[in-house]
C-alpha atoms as a PDB file:
ATOM      1  CA  MET A   1    -123.071  85.151  54.348  1.00  0.00           C
ATOM      2  CA  SER A   2    -121.275  83.702  51.330  1.00  0.00           C
ATOM      3  CA  ARG A   3    -119.973  85.989  48.602  1.00  0.00           C
ATOM      4  CA  ILE A   4    -122.339  84.324  46.137  1.00  0.00           C
ATOM      5  CA  LYS A   5    -125.462  84.916  48.233  1.00  0.00           C
ATOM      6  CA  GLU A   6    -124.313  88.434  49.033  1.00  0.00           C
ATOM      7  CA  CYS A   7    -123.824  89.106  45.318  1.00  0.00           C
ATOM      8  CA  PHE A   8    -127.282  87.899  44.290  1.00  0.00           C
ATOM      9  CA  ASP A   9    -128.938  89.695  47.219  1.00  0.00           C
ATOM     10  CA  ARG A  10    -127.203  92.949  46.304  1.00  0.00           C
ATOM     11  CA  LEU A  11    -128.127  92.664  42.621  1.00  0.00           C
ATOM     12  CA  ASN A  12    -131.718  91.775  43.466  1.00  0.00           C
ATOM     13  CA  GLY A  13    -131.951  94.905  45.586  1.00  0.00           C
ATOM     14  CA  LEU A  14    -130.729  96.937  42.619  1.00  0.00           C
ATOM     15  CA  GLY A  15    -133.055  95.251  40.133  1.00  0.00           C
ATOM     16  CA  ARG A  16    -130.088  93.853  38.202  1.00  0.00           C
ATOM     17  CA  LYS A  17    -129.111  90.388  37.003  1.00  0.00           C
ATOM     18  CA  ALA A  18    -125.743  88.675  37.441  1.00  0.00           C
ATOM     19  CA  LEU A  19    -123.335  88.533  34.518  1.00  0.00           C
ATOM     20  CA  ILE A  20    -121.228  85.393  34.955  1.00  0.00           C
ATOM     21  CA  PRO A  21    -118.356  84.951  32.472  1.00  0.00           C
ATOM     22  CA  TYR A  22    -116.400  81.711  32.124  1.00  0.00           C
ATOM     23  CA  ILE A  23    -112.778  81.347  31.069  1.00  0.00           C
ATOM     24  CA  THR A  24    -110.421  78.379  31.293  1.00  0.00           C
ATOM     25  CA  ALA A  25    -107.608  78.927  33.775  1.00  0.00           C
ATOM     26  CA  GLY A  26    -104.235  79.039  32.045  1.00  0.00           C
ATOM     27  CA  ASP A  27    -105.644  79.837  28.577  1.00  0.00           C
ATOM     28  CA  SER A  28    -103.905  80.918  26.459  1.00  0.00           C
ATOM     29  CA  THR A  29    -101.038  81.289  28.938  1.00  0.00           C
ATOM     30  CA  PRO A  30    -101.039  81.100  32.747  1.00  0.00           C
ATOM     31  CA  ALA A  31     -99.924  84.739  32.981  1.00  0.00           C
ATOM     32  CA  LEU A  32    -103.115  85.934  31.258  1.00  0.00           C
ATOM     33  CA  THR A  33    -105.669  84.480  33.676  1.00  0.00           C
ATOM     34  CA  VAL A  34    -105.522  86.853  36.660  1.00  0.00           C
ATOM     35  CA  PRO A  35    -105.340  90.065  34.573  1.00  0.00           C
ATOM     36  CA  MET A  36    -108.268  88.728  32.531  1.00  0.00           C
ATOM     37  CA  MET A  37    -110.275  88.085  35.709  1.00  0.00           C
ATOM     38  CA  HIS A  38    -109.738  91.658  36.887  1.00  0.00           C
ATOM     39  CA  ALA A  39    -110.600  93.028  33.442  1.00  0.00           C
ATOM     40  CA  MET A  40    -113.845  91.044  33.386  1.00  0.00           C
ATOM     41  CA  VAL A  41    -114.891  92.533  36.716  1.00  0.00           C
ATOM     42  CA  GLU A  42    -114.111  96.013  35.425  1.00  0.00           C
ATOM     43  CA  ALA A  43    -116.245  95.260  32.335  1.00  0.00           C
ATOM     44  CA  GLY A  44    -119.279  94.338  34.441  1.00  0.00           C
ATOM     45  CA  ALA A  45    -118.853  90.732  35.579  1.00  0.00           C
ATOM     46  CA  ASP A  46    -120.526  89.904  38.900  1.00  0.00           C
ATOM     47  CA  ILE A  47    -119.323  86.312  39.385  1.00  0.00           C
ATOM     48  CA  ILE A  48    -116.436  84.551  37.629  1.00  0.00           C
ATOM     49  CA  GLU A  49    -116.530  80.897  36.611  1.00  0.00           C
ATOM     50  CA  LEU A  50    -112.961  79.656  36.269  1.00  0.00           C
ATOM     51  CA  GLY A  51    -112.506  76.424  34.375  1.00  0.00           C
ATOM     52  CA  ILE A  52    -110.127  73.752  35.666  1.00  0.00           C
ATOM     53  CA  PRO A  53    -108.196  72.415  32.632  1.00  0.00           C
ATOM     54  CA  PHE A  54    -108.935  68.755  31.968  1.00  0.00           C
ATOM     55  CA  SER A  55    -107.899  66.384  29.203  1.00  0.00           C
ATOM     56  CA  ASP A  56    -111.401  65.061  28.480  1.00  0.00           C
ATOM     57  CA  PRO A  57    -113.988  67.842  28.997  1.00  0.00           C
ATOM     58  CA  MET A  58    -116.940  65.765  27.783  1.00  0.00           C
ATOM     59  CA  ALA A  59    -119.649  68.427  28.268  1.00  0.00           C
ATOM     60  CA  ASP A  60    -117.727  71.022  26.285  1.00  0.00           C
ATOM     61  CA  GLY A  61    -117.596  71.751  22.585  1.00  0.00           C
ATOM     62  CA  PRO A  62    -114.462  72.336  20.480  1.00  0.00           C
ATOM     63  CA  VAL A  63    -113.865  75.908  21.684  1.00  0.00           C
ATOM     64  CA  ILE A  64    -113.428  75.012  25.341  1.00  0.00           C
ATOM     65  CA  GLN A  65    -111.813  71.661  24.528  1.00  0.00           C
ATOM     66  CA  LEU A  66    -109.074  73.579  22.723  1.00  0.00           C
ATOM     67  CA  ALA A  67    -108.802  76.035  25.615  1.00  0.00           C
ATOM     68  CA  CYS A  68    -108.132  73.102  27.943  1.00  0.00           C
ATOM     69  CA  GLU A  69    -105.506  71.796  25.533  1.00  0.00           C
ATOM     70  CA  ARG A  70    -103.768  75.186  25.462  1.00  0.00           C
ATOM     71  CA  ALA A  71    -103.751  75.404  29.248  1.00  0.00           C
ATOM     72  CA  LEU A  72    -102.543  71.830  29.667  1.00  0.00           C
ATOM     73  CA  SER A  73     -99.754  72.455  27.159  1.00  0.00           C
ATOM     74  CA  HIS A  74     -98.386  74.894  29.756  1.00  0.00           C
ATOM     75  CA  GLY A  75     -98.686  72.252  32.475  1.00  0.00           C
ATOM     76  CA  VAL A  76    -101.476  74.044  34.353  1.00  0.00           C
ATOM     77  CA  THR A  77    -102.716  71.958  37.290  1.00  0.00           C
ATOM     78  CA  LEU A  78    -105.494  72.311  39.846  1.00  0.00           C
ATOM     79  CA  ALA A  79    -102.901  73.619  42.312  1.00  0.00           C
ATOM     80  CA  ASP A  80    -101.993  76.317  39.780  1.00  0.00           C
ATOM     81  CA  VAL A  81    -105.656  77.268  39.424  1.00  0.00           C
ATOM     82  CA  LEU A  82    -105.929  77.717  43.191  1.00  0.00           C
ATOM     83  CA  SER A  83    -102.806  79.875  43.118  1.00  0.00           C
ATOM     84  CA  MET A  84    -104.445  82.053  40.451  1.00  0.00           C
ATOM     85  CA  VAL A  85    -107.467  82.568  42.692  1.00  0.00           C
ATOM     86  CA  SER A  86    -105.167  83.488  45.577  1.00  0.00           C
ATOM     87  CA  GLU A  87    -103.435  86.043  43.369  1.00  0.00           C
ATOM     88  CA  PHE A  88    -106.799  87.463  42.249  1.00  0.00           C
ATOM     89  CA  ARG A  89    -107.859  87.850  45.883  1.00  0.00           C
ATOM     90  CA  LYS A  90    -104.931  90.173  46.607  1.00  0.00           C
ATOM     91  CA  ARG A  91    -106.842  92.904  44.749  1.00  0.00           C
ATOM     92  CA  ASP A  92    -110.432  91.683  44.768  1.00  0.00           C
ATOM     93  CA  ASN A  93    -111.994  90.241  47.897  1.00  0.00           C
ATOM     94  CA  GLN A  94    -115.602  90.785  46.801  1.00  0.00           C
ATOM     95  CA  THR A  95    -116.231  89.119  43.431  1.00  0.00           C
ATOM     96  CA  PRO A  96    -117.297  85.473  43.857  1.00  0.00           C
ATOM     97  CA  VAL A  97    -115.167  82.868  42.074  1.00  0.00           C
ATOM     98  CA  VAL A  98    -116.635  79.499  41.108  1.00  0.00           C
ATOM     99  CA  LEU A  99    -114.399  76.666  39.932  1.00  0.00           C
ATOM    100  CA  MET A 100    -115.975  74.661  37.120  1.00  0.00           C
ATOM    101  CA  GLY A 101    -114.621  71.387  35.865  1.00  0.00           C
ATOM    102  CA  TYR A 102    -114.500  67.639  36.195  1.00  0.00           C
ATOM    103  CA  LEU A 103    -113.976  65.308  39.117  1.00  0.00           C
ATOM    104  CA  ASN A 104    -110.642  63.682  38.229  1.00  0.00           C
ATOM    105  CA  PRO A 105    -108.320  66.570  39.223  1.00  0.00           C
ATOM    106  CA  ILE A 106    -110.201  66.989  42.505  1.00  0.00           C
ATOM    107  CA  GLU A 107    -109.979  63.268  43.236  1.00  0.00           C
ATOM    108  CA  MET A 108    -106.248  63.370  42.530  1.00  0.00           C
ATOM    109  CA  MET A 109    -105.776  66.167  45.070  1.00  0.00           C
ATOM    110  CA  GLY A 110    -108.176  64.539  47.538  1.00  0.00           C
ATOM    111  CA  TYR A 111    -111.594  65.851  48.539  1.00  0.00           C
ATOM    112  CA  GLU A 112    -110.644  67.200  51.944  1.00  0.00           C
ATOM    113  CA  PRO A 113    -107.316  68.802  50.919  1.00  0.00           C
ATOM    114  CA  PHE A 114    -109.018  70.322  47.877  1.00  0.00           C
ATOM    115  CA  ALA A 115    -111.813  71.863  49.928  1.00  0.00           C
ATOM    116  CA  GLU A 116    -109.376  73.266  52.473  1.00  0.00           C
ATOM    117  CA  ARG A 117    -107.008  74.659  49.856  1.00  0.00           C
ATOM    118  CA  ALA A 118    -109.881  76.095  47.823  1.00  0.00           C
ATOM    119  CA  ALA A 119    -111.253  77.888  50.871  1.00  0.00           C
ATOM    120  CA  ALA A 120    -107.822  79.255  51.736  1.00  0.00           C
ATOM    121  CA  ALA A 121    -107.429  80.526  48.171  1.00  0.00           C
ATOM    122  CA  GLY A 122    -110.773  82.332  48.235  1.00  0.00           C
ATOM    123  CA  VAL A 123    -112.959  80.016  46.140  1.00  0.00           C
ATOM    124  CA  ASP A 124    -116.691  80.503  46.719  1.00  0.00           C
ATOM    125  CA  GLY A 125    -118.296  77.680  44.763  1.00  0.00           C
ATOM    126  CA  VAL A 126    -117.493  74.459  42.929  1.00  0.00           C
ATOM    127  CA  LEU A 127    -119.378  73.038  39.953  1.00  0.00           C
ATOM    128  CA  THR A 128    -118.251  69.528  39.090  1.00  0.00           C
ATOM    129  CA  VAL A 129    -119.856  68.651  35.773  1.00  0.00           C
ATOM    130  CA  ASP A 130    -119.612  64.852  36.028  1.00  0.00           C
ATOM    131  CA  LEU A 131    -120.493  64.444  39.716  1.00  0.00           C
ATOM    132  CA  PRO A 132    -124.208  63.625  40.166  1.00  0.00           C
ATOM    133  CA  PRO A 133    -125.887  64.641  43.445  1.00  0.00           C
ATOM    134  CA  GLU A 134    -126.275  60.983  44.494  1.00  0.00           C
ATOM    135  CA  GLU A 135    -122.485  60.704  44.637  1.00  0.00           C
ATOM    136  CA  ALA A 136    -121.687  64.202  45.861  1.00  0.00           C
ATOM    137  CA  ASP A 137    -122.156  63.849  49.617  1.00  0.00           C
ATOM    138  CA  THR A 138    -118.502  63.272  50.461  1.00  0.00           C
ATOM    139  CA  LEU A 139    -117.096  66.163  48.467  1.00  0.00           C
ATOM    140  CA  GLY A 140    -120.148  68.278  49.285  1.00  0.00           C
ATOM    141  CA  GLY A 141    -119.631  67.688  52.982  1.00  0.00           C
ATOM    142  CA  TYR A 142    -116.057  68.949  52.841  1.00  0.00           C
ATOM    143  CA  LEU A 143    -117.097  71.950  50.742  1.00  0.00           C
ATOM    144  CA  GLU A 144    -119.889  72.829  53.164  1.00  0.00           C
ATOM    145  CA  LYS A 145    -117.504  72.509  56.099  1.00  0.00           C
ATOM    146  CA  ASN A 146    -115.274  75.068  54.382  1.00  0.00           C
ATOM    147  CA  ARG A 147    -118.209  77.357  53.478  1.00  0.00           C
ATOM    148  CA  ILE A 148    -117.958  76.692  49.753  1.00  0.00           C
ATOM    149  CA  ASP A 149    -121.154  76.362  47.729  1.00  0.00           C
ATOM    150  CA  THR A 150    -121.855  73.208  45.730  1.00  0.00           C
ATOM    151  CA  ILE A 151    -123.382  74.112  42.366  1.00  0.00           C
ATOM    152  CA  PHE A 152    -125.140  71.667  40.062  1.00  0.00           C
ATOM    153  CA  LEU A 153    -126.319  71.626  36.457  1.00  0.00           C
ATOM    154  CA  VAL A 154    -129.923  71.132  35.371  1.00  0.00           C
ATOM    155  CA  ALA A 155    -130.639  70.230  31.730  1.00  0.00           C
ATOM    156  CA  PRO A 156    -133.660  70.795  29.466  1.00  0.00           C
ATOM    157  CA  THR A 157    -134.433  67.084  29.796  1.00  0.00           C
ATOM    158  CA  THR A 158    -134.288  67.008  33.609  1.00  0.00           C
ATOM    159  CA  THR A 159    -137.612  65.959  35.157  1.00  0.00           C
ATOM    160  CA  ALA A 160    -139.299  67.930  37.945  1.00  0.00           C
ATOM    161  CA  GLU A 161    -138.604  65.089  40.366  1.00  0.00           C
ATOM    162  CA  ARG A 162    -134.943  65.113  39.412  1.00  0.00           C
ATOM    163  CA  ILE A 163    -134.774  68.912  39.752  1.00  0.00           C
ATOM    164  CA  ARG A 164    -136.048  68.562  43.332  1.00  0.00           C
ATOM    165  CA  SER A 165    -133.309  66.017  44.053  1.00  0.00           C
ATOM    166  CA  VAL A 166    -130.604  68.240  42.556  1.00  0.00           C
ATOM    167  CA  CYS A 167    -131.799  71.355  44.369  1.00  0.00           C
ATOM    168  CA  SER A 168    -131.871  69.544  47.716  1.00  0.00           C
ATOM    169  CA  LYS A 169    -128.086  69.102  47.467  1.00  0.00           C
ATOM    170  CA  ALA A 170    -127.237  72.463  45.895  1.00  0.00           C
ATOM    171  CA  SER A 171    -126.255  75.832  47.287  1.00  0.00           C
ATOM    172  CA  GLY A 172    -125.147  79.135  45.771  1.00  0.00           C
ATOM    173  CA  TYR A 173    -127.126  78.903  42.541  1.00  0.00           C
ATOM    174  CA  ILE A 174    -128.372  76.396  39.991  1.00  0.00           C
ATOM    175  CA  TYR A 175    -126.815  76.412  36.526  1.00  0.00           C
ATOM    176  CA  TYR A 176    -129.509  75.727  33.938  1.00  0.00           C
ATOM    177  CA  VAL A 177    -128.098  74.420  30.649  1.00  0.00           C
ATOM    178  CA  SER A 178    -130.377  76.075  28.104  1.00  0.00           C
ATOM    179  CA  LEU A 179    -129.633  73.688  25.217  1.00  0.00           C
ATOM    180  CA  LYS A 180    -129.279  70.000  24.551  1.00  0.00           C
ATOM    181  CA  GLY A 181    -125.681  69.392  23.540  1.00  0.00           C
ATOM    182  CA  VAL A 182    -122.284  70.789  24.420  1.00  0.00           C
ATOM    183  CA  THR A 183    -120.960  74.270  25.131  1.00  0.00           C
ATOM    184  CA  GLY A 184    -120.770  76.560  22.134  1.00  0.00           C
ATOM    185  CA  SER A 185    -124.112  75.502  20.659  1.00  0.00           C
ATOM    186  CA  ALA A 186    -125.722  78.332  18.742  1.00  0.00           C
ATOM    187  CA  THR A 187    -129.523  77.947  18.822  1.00  0.00           C
ATOM    188  CA  LEU A 188    -131.264  79.474  21.837  1.00  0.00           C
ATOM    189  CA  ASP A 189    -135.035  79.341  22.396  1.00  0.00           C
ATOM    190  CA  THR A 190    -135.647  81.927  25.118  1.00  0.00           C
ATOM    191  CA  ASP A 191    -139.357  81.051  25.363  1.00  0.00           C
ATOM    192  CA  ALA A 192    -138.447  77.469  26.222  1.00  0.00           C
ATOM    193  CA  VAL A 193    -135.853  78.719  28.709  1.00  0.00           C
ATOM    194  CA  ALA A 194    -138.433  80.941  30.404  1.00  0.00           C
ATOM    195  CA  GLU A 195    -140.841  78.016  30.697  1.00  0.00           C
ATOM    196  CA  ARG A 196    -138.232  75.813  32.361  1.00  0.00           C
ATOM    197  CA  ILE A 197    -137.095  78.620  34.664  1.00  0.00           C
ATOM    198  CA  SER A 198    -140.710  79.074  35.773  1.00  0.00           C
ATOM    199  CA  LEU A 199    -140.895  75.376  36.643  1.00  0.00           C
ATOM    200  CA  MET A 200    -137.633  75.537  38.581  1.00  0.00           C
ATOM    201  CA  ARG A 201    -138.810  78.585  40.550  1.00  0.00           C
ATOM    202  CA  SER A 202    -141.737  76.496  41.798  1.00  0.00           C
ATOM    203  CA  ILE A 203    -139.210  74.013  43.199  1.00  0.00           C
ATOM    204  CA  THR A 204    -136.315  76.073  44.595  1.00  0.00           C
ATOM    205  CA  ASP A 205    -135.569  79.499  46.022  1.00  0.00           C
ATOM    206  CA  LEU A 206    -131.953  79.322  44.843  1.00  0.00           C
ATOM    207  CA  PRO A 207    -130.875  81.849  42.186  1.00  0.00           C
ATOM    208  CA  LEU A 208    -131.022  80.443  38.668  1.00  0.00           C
ATOM    209  CA  GLY A 209    -128.200  81.050  36.211  1.00  0.00           C
ATOM    210  CA  VAL A 210    -128.594  80.185  32.526  1.00  0.00           C
ATOM    211  CA  GLY A 211    -125.764  79.279  30.191  1.00  0.00           C
ATOM    212  CA  PHE A 212    -125.020  77.701  26.768  1.00  0.00           C
ATOM    213  CA  GLY A 213    -125.881  79.552  23.569  1.00  0.00           C
ATOM    214  CA  ILE A 214    -125.438  83.101  24.896  1.00  0.00           C
ATOM    215  CA  ARG A 215    -123.210  84.973  22.489  1.00  0.00           C
ATOM    216  CA  ASP A 216    -124.096  88.683  22.444  1.00  0.00           C
ATOM    217  CA  GLY A 217    -125.918  91.499  24.187  1.00  0.00           C
ATOM    218  CA  ASP A 218    -129.280  90.580  22.694  1.00  0.00           C
ATOM    219  CA  SER A 219    -129.245  86.941  23.816  1.00  0.00           C
ATOM    220  CA  ALA A 220    -127.867  87.896  27.236  1.00  0.00           C
ATOM    221  CA  ALA A 221    -130.602  90.503  27.736  1.00  0.00           C
ATOM    222  CA  ARG A 222    -133.390  88.163  26.639  1.00  0.00           C
ATOM    223  CA  VAL A 223    -132.246  85.419  29.005  1.00  0.00           C
ATOM    224  CA  SER A 224    -131.812  87.905  31.856  1.00  0.00           C
ATOM    225  CA  GLN A 225    -135.532  88.677  31.722  1.00  0.00           C
ATOM    226  CA  CYS A 226    -136.307  85.285  33.278  1.00  0.00           C
ATOM    227  CA  ALA A 227    -133.036  84.222  34.914  1.00  0.00           C
ATOM    228  CA  ASP A 228    -131.134  85.595  37.904  1.00  0.00           C
ATOM    229  CA  GLY A 229    -127.810  85.219  36.140  1.00  0.00           C
ATOM    230  CA  VAL A 230    -126.448  84.893  32.606  1.00  0.00           C
ATOM    231  CA  VAL A 231    -123.459  82.605  32.060  1.00  0.00           C
ATOM    232  CA  VAL A 232    -121.296  83.222  28.993  1.00  0.00           C
ATOM    233  CA  GLY A 233    -118.262  81.183  28.025  1.00  0.00           C
ATOM    234  CA  SER A 234    -117.477  80.027  24.501  1.00  0.00           C
ATOM    235  CA  VAL A 235    -117.706  83.449  22.843  1.00  0.00           C
ATOM    236  CA  LEU A 236    -115.173  84.786  25.372  1.00  0.00           C
ATOM    237  CA  VAL A 237    -112.851  81.809  24.996  1.00  0.00           C
ATOM    238  CA  ASP A 238    -113.052  82.369  21.228  1.00  0.00           C
ATOM    239  CA  GLN A 239    -111.630  85.850  21.765  1.00  0.00           C
ATOM    240  CA  ILE A 240    -108.731  84.446  23.764  1.00  0.00           C
ATOM    241  CA  ALA A 241    -108.053  81.889  21.021  1.00  0.00           C
ATOM    242  CA  SER A 242    -108.104  84.602  18.365  1.00  0.00           C
ATOM    243  CA  HIS A 243    -105.493  86.708  20.158  1.00  0.00           C
ATOM    244  CA  GLN A 244    -103.058  84.139  21.502  1.00  0.00           C
ATOM    245  CA  GLN A 245    -100.093  86.236  20.422  1.00  0.00           C
ATOM    246  CA  ASN A 246    -101.421  89.473  21.916  1.00  0.00           C
ATOM    247  CA  PRO A 247    -102.838  89.220  25.456  1.00  0.00           C
ATOM    248  CA  ASP A 248    -103.841  92.899  25.494  1.00  0.00           C
ATOM    249  CA  ASN A 249    -106.083  92.332  22.481  1.00  0.00           C
ATOM    250  CA  ALA A 250    -107.584  89.239  24.134  1.00  0.00           C
ATOM    251  CA  ILE A 251    -108.432  91.282  27.228  1.00  0.00           C
ATOM    252  CA  ALA A 252    -109.868  94.086  25.096  1.00  0.00           C
ATOM    253  CA  GLY A 253    -112.025  91.668  23.088  1.00  0.00           C
ATOM    254  CA  VAL A 254    -113.426  89.898  26.138  1.00  0.00           C
ATOM    255  CA  SER A 255    -114.054  93.202  27.899  1.00  0.00           C
ATOM    256  CA  SER A 256    -115.904  94.611  24.895  1.00  0.00           C
ATOM    257  CA  ILE A 257    -118.284  91.637  24.752  1.00  0.00           C
ATOM    258  CA  LEU A 258    -118.994  91.812  28.472  1.00  0.00           C
ATOM    259  CA  ARG A 259    -119.633  95.555  28.388  1.00  0.00           C
ATOM    260  CA  GLU A 260    -122.138  95.049  25.576  1.00  0.00           C
ATOM    261  CA  MET A 261    -123.890  92.310  27.544  1.00  0.00           C
ATOM    262  CA  ARG A 262    -123.889  94.306  30.766  1.00  0.00           C
ATOM    263  CA  ALA A 263    -125.395  97.343  29.047  1.00  0.00           C
ATOM    264  CA  ALA A 264    -128.057  95.291  27.237  1.00  0.00           C
ATOM    265  CA  MET A 265    -129.045  93.414  30.394  1.00  0.00           C
ATOM    266  CA  ASP A 266    -129.305  96.591  32.456  1.00  0.00           C
ATOM    267  CA  GLN A 267    -131.260  98.392  29.750  1.00  0.00           C
ATOM    268  CA  LEU A 268    -133.852  95.636  29.413  1.00  0.00           C
ATOM    269  CA  ASN A 269    -134.234  95.088  33.169  1.00  0.00           C
ATOM    270  CA  ARG A 270    -134.337  98.780  34.093  1.00  0.00           C
END
């Protein structure tokens, strides 16, 4: 059983929902990433999404664009990201790690070498934002061979027919983008999210994670009432940006936000 499935099964048995924080690997310095990952787990994270720095993150808003720029200014590569996961695994062999990013760095490394190196590092899932399911068979085949889940995005505008197509190629969980637009958007209609999640549940048995627009304990708790997982990114990356000169403060800020979200989610789903 994959770490991701094991995680969702365990949480479901406890009546809890997954808290899934995102940070960009190498932001604001490469030395911060692994300690931040451990701190997020201690603060209540169940799955970690680790962003692969890329020069043109087209689905992301200014906050994560700047995080990629900071990481790239330190020369952080996909190989470095895999090394960070390997380092994380020396202390934590339970928390699932999902790499999130764009296809170019993976193509540069090569699909098969990437899948093999990711598996060796301890990666559990890969979400490639700009790789549609129609073109994902080659990479997906190598990931499946190495027991790594292939995770896809579903948008508010995605039709039911398209959702079926996406879900037929997916494993691990589905990431539902709750808003039209880029990461960091601020308006979240939880009633609309619940309606779309209900539709998706009629199509797939995969766990459903919801991201975009989740910024505090209240929004995380409200989304957790209909979703299996809550994905939070920009508000955490904002904390890292605000404390570039003091990594301890960055870790404290991120941890505080996650603890608030964890407590609010557990309280509402108790």
